[in-house]
Amino acid sequence: MDDIIHDQQQQAFRLSYHGAEARLEYYRSGDSIDFRRTFVPPELRGQGLAERLVRHGLDWSKQQGLDISASCWYVQKFL
């Protein structure tokens, strides 16, 4: 499994696995970040990829000192 890539230009954390990509998308404005969408392709579901992305994104946001919110229901479970 590849490492998580933080694509700041696309405002997403990406994780490639077996040729497919899981994503955690966010919107950042100033010192605030809103996690908007988590997506894992059907063939990769049930392997903990979404949780891995969310934990990574939240850790990064905390290190940056950002105010964190989540429009995404899945991310809300971790807040």
C-alpha atoms as a PDB file:
ATOM      1  CA  MET A   1       0.000   0.000   0.000  1.00  0.00           C
ATOM      2  CA  ASP A   2       1.366   3.363  -0.980  1.00  0.00           C
ATOM      3  CA  ASP A   3       1.713   6.284   1.373  1.00  0.00           C
ATOM      4  CA  ILE A   4      -0.934   8.960   1.659  1.00  0.00           C
ATOM      5  CA  ILE A   5      -0.306  11.902  -0.641  1.00  0.00           C
ATOM      6  CA  HIS A   6      -1.458  15.373   0.387  1.00  0.00           C
ATOM      7  CA  ASP A   7      -2.449  17.252  -2.745  1.00  0.00           C
ATOM      8  CA  GLN A   8      -2.855  20.785  -1.424  1.00  0.00           C
ATOM      9  CA  GLN A   9      -3.719  22.220  -4.837  1.00  0.00           C
ATOM     10  CA  GLN A  10      -6.644  19.793  -5.209  1.00  0.00           C
ATOM     11  CA  GLN A  11      -7.393  20.035  -1.453  1.00  0.00           C
ATOM     12  CA  ALA A  12      -7.377  16.278  -0.978  1.00  0.00           C
ATOM     13  CA  PHE A  13      -5.533  13.443   0.690  1.00  0.00           C
ATOM     14  CA  ARG A  14      -5.098  10.514  -1.706  1.00  0.00           C
ATOM     15  CA  LEU A  15      -4.242   6.873  -1.173  1.00  0.00           C
ATOM     16  CA  SER A  16      -3.581   4.545  -4.119  1.00  0.00           C
ATOM     17  CA  TYR A  17      -4.030   0.802  -3.742  1.00  0.00           C
ATOM     18  CA  HIS A  18      -4.146  -1.869  -6.453  1.00  0.00           C
ATOM     19  CA  GLY A  19      -4.469   0.765  -9.174  1.00  0.00           C
ATOM     20  CA  ALA A  20      -7.451   2.542  -7.592  1.00  0.00           C
ATOM     21  CA  GLU A  21      -7.548   5.678  -5.464  1.00  0.00           C
ATOM     22  CA  ALA A  22      -9.317   6.533  -2.219  1.00  0.00           C
ATOM     23  CA  ARG A  23      -9.718  10.244  -1.390  1.00  0.00           C
ATOM     24  CA  LEU A  24     -10.467  12.575   1.477  1.00  0.00           C
ATOM     25  CA  GLU A  25     -11.511  15.957   0.099  1.00  0.00           C
ATOM     26  CA  TYR A  26     -11.569  19.185   2.066  1.00  0.00           C
ATOM     27  CA  TYR A  27     -12.007  22.920   1.731  1.00  0.00           C
ATOM     28  CA  ARG A  28      -9.613  25.211   3.534  1.00  0.00           C
ATOM     29  CA  SER A  29     -10.267  28.874   4.171  1.00  0.00           C
ATOM     30  CA  GLY A  30      -7.737  30.722   6.299  1.00  0.00           C
ATOM     31  CA  ASP A  31      -7.371  28.900   9.606  1.00  0.00           C
ATOM     32  CA  SER A  32     -10.421  26.674   9.052  1.00  0.00           C
ATOM     33  CA  ILE A  33     -10.765  23.352   7.292  1.00  0.00           C
ATOM     34  CA  ASP A  34     -13.958  21.518   6.365  1.00  0.00           C
ATOM     35  CA  PHE A  35     -13.666  17.853   5.454  1.00  0.00           C
ATOM     36  CA  ARG A  36     -16.306  17.490   2.756  1.00  0.00           C
ATOM     37  CA  ARG A  37     -16.081  14.037   1.227  1.00  0.00           C
ATOM     38  CA  THR A  38     -14.521  10.646   1.739  1.00  0.00           C
ATOM     39  CA  PHE A  39     -14.533   8.266  -1.204  1.00  0.00           C
ATOM     40  CA  VAL A  40     -13.280   4.707  -1.485  1.00  0.00           C
ATOM     41  CA  PRO A  41     -13.901   2.765  -4.714  1.00  0.00           C
ATOM     42  CA  PRO A  42     -16.222  -0.218  -4.201  1.00  0.00           C
ATOM     43  CA  GLU A  43     -13.458  -2.745  -4.859  1.00  0.00           C
ATOM     44  CA  LEU A  44     -11.357  -1.272  -2.015  1.00  0.00           C
ATOM     45  CA  ARG A  45     -14.054  -0.887   0.639  1.00  0.00           C
ATOM     46  CA  GLY A  46     -13.862  -2.730   3.951  1.00  0.00           C
ATOM     47  CA  GLN A  47     -10.073  -2.483   4.215  1.00  0.00           C
ATOM     48  CA  GLY A  48      -9.817   0.537   6.514  1.00  0.00           C
ATOM     49  CA  LEU A  49      -8.628   2.976   3.849  1.00  0.00           C
ATOM     50  CA  ALA A  50     -11.200   5.671   4.674  1.00  0.00           C
ATOM     51  CA  GLU A  51     -10.310   5.552   8.354  1.00  0.00           C
ATOM     52  CA  ARG A  52      -6.620   5.756   7.529  1.00  0.00           C
ATOM     53  CA  LEU A  53      -7.207   8.828   5.343  1.00  0.00           C
ATOM     54  CA  VAL A  54      -9.398  10.546   7.939  1.00  0.00           C
ATOM     55  CA  ARG A  55      -6.962   9.978  10.794  1.00  0.00           C
ATOM     56  CA  HIS A  56      -4.109  11.274   8.638  1.00  0.00           C
ATOM     57  CA  GLY A  57      -6.095  14.363   7.564  1.00  0.00           C
ATOM     58  CA  LEU A  58      -7.164  15.169  11.114  1.00  0.00           C
ATOM     59  CA  ASP A  59      -3.620  14.738  12.453  1.00  0.00           C
ATOM     60  CA  TRP A  60      -2.279  17.057   9.760  1.00  0.00           C
ATOM     61  CA  SER A  61      -4.979  19.658  10.492  1.00  0.00           C
ATOM     62  CA  LYS A  62      -4.236  19.595  14.221  1.00  0.00           C
ATOM     63  CA  GLN A  63      -0.510  20.026  13.556  1.00  0.00           C
ATOM     64  CA  GLN A  64      -1.373  23.089  11.444  1.00  0.00           C
ATOM     65  CA  GLY A  65      -3.520  24.527  14.253  1.00  0.00           C
ATOM     66  CA  LEU A  66      -6.632  24.647  12.068  1.00  0.00           C
ATOM     67  CA  ASP A  67     -10.238  24.880  13.229  1.00  0.00           C
ATOM     68  CA  ILE A  68     -11.720  21.581  12.071  1.00  0.00           C
ATOM     69  CA  SER A  69     -15.265  20.887  10.876  1.00  0.00           C
ATOM     70  CA  ALA A  70     -16.772  18.145   8.756  1.00  0.00           C
ATOM     71  CA  SER A  71     -19.594  18.209   6.236  1.00  0.00           C
ATOM     72  CA  CYS A  72     -18.819  14.554   5.582  1.00  0.00           C
ATOM     73  CA  TRP A  73     -20.815  12.200   7.836  1.00  0.00           C
ATOM     74  CA  TYR A  74     -17.947   9.728   7.965  1.00  0.00           C
ATOM     75  CA  VAL A  75     -15.426  12.295   9.215  1.00  0.00           C
ATOM     76  CA  GLN A  76     -17.957  13.541  11.797  1.00  0.00           C
ATOM     77  CA  LYS A  77     -17.670  10.163  13.531  1.00  0.00           C
ATOM     78  CA  PHE A  78     -14.020  10.980  14.377  1.00  0.00           C
ATOM     79  CA  LEU A  79     -14.651  14.459  15.806  1.00  0.00           C
END
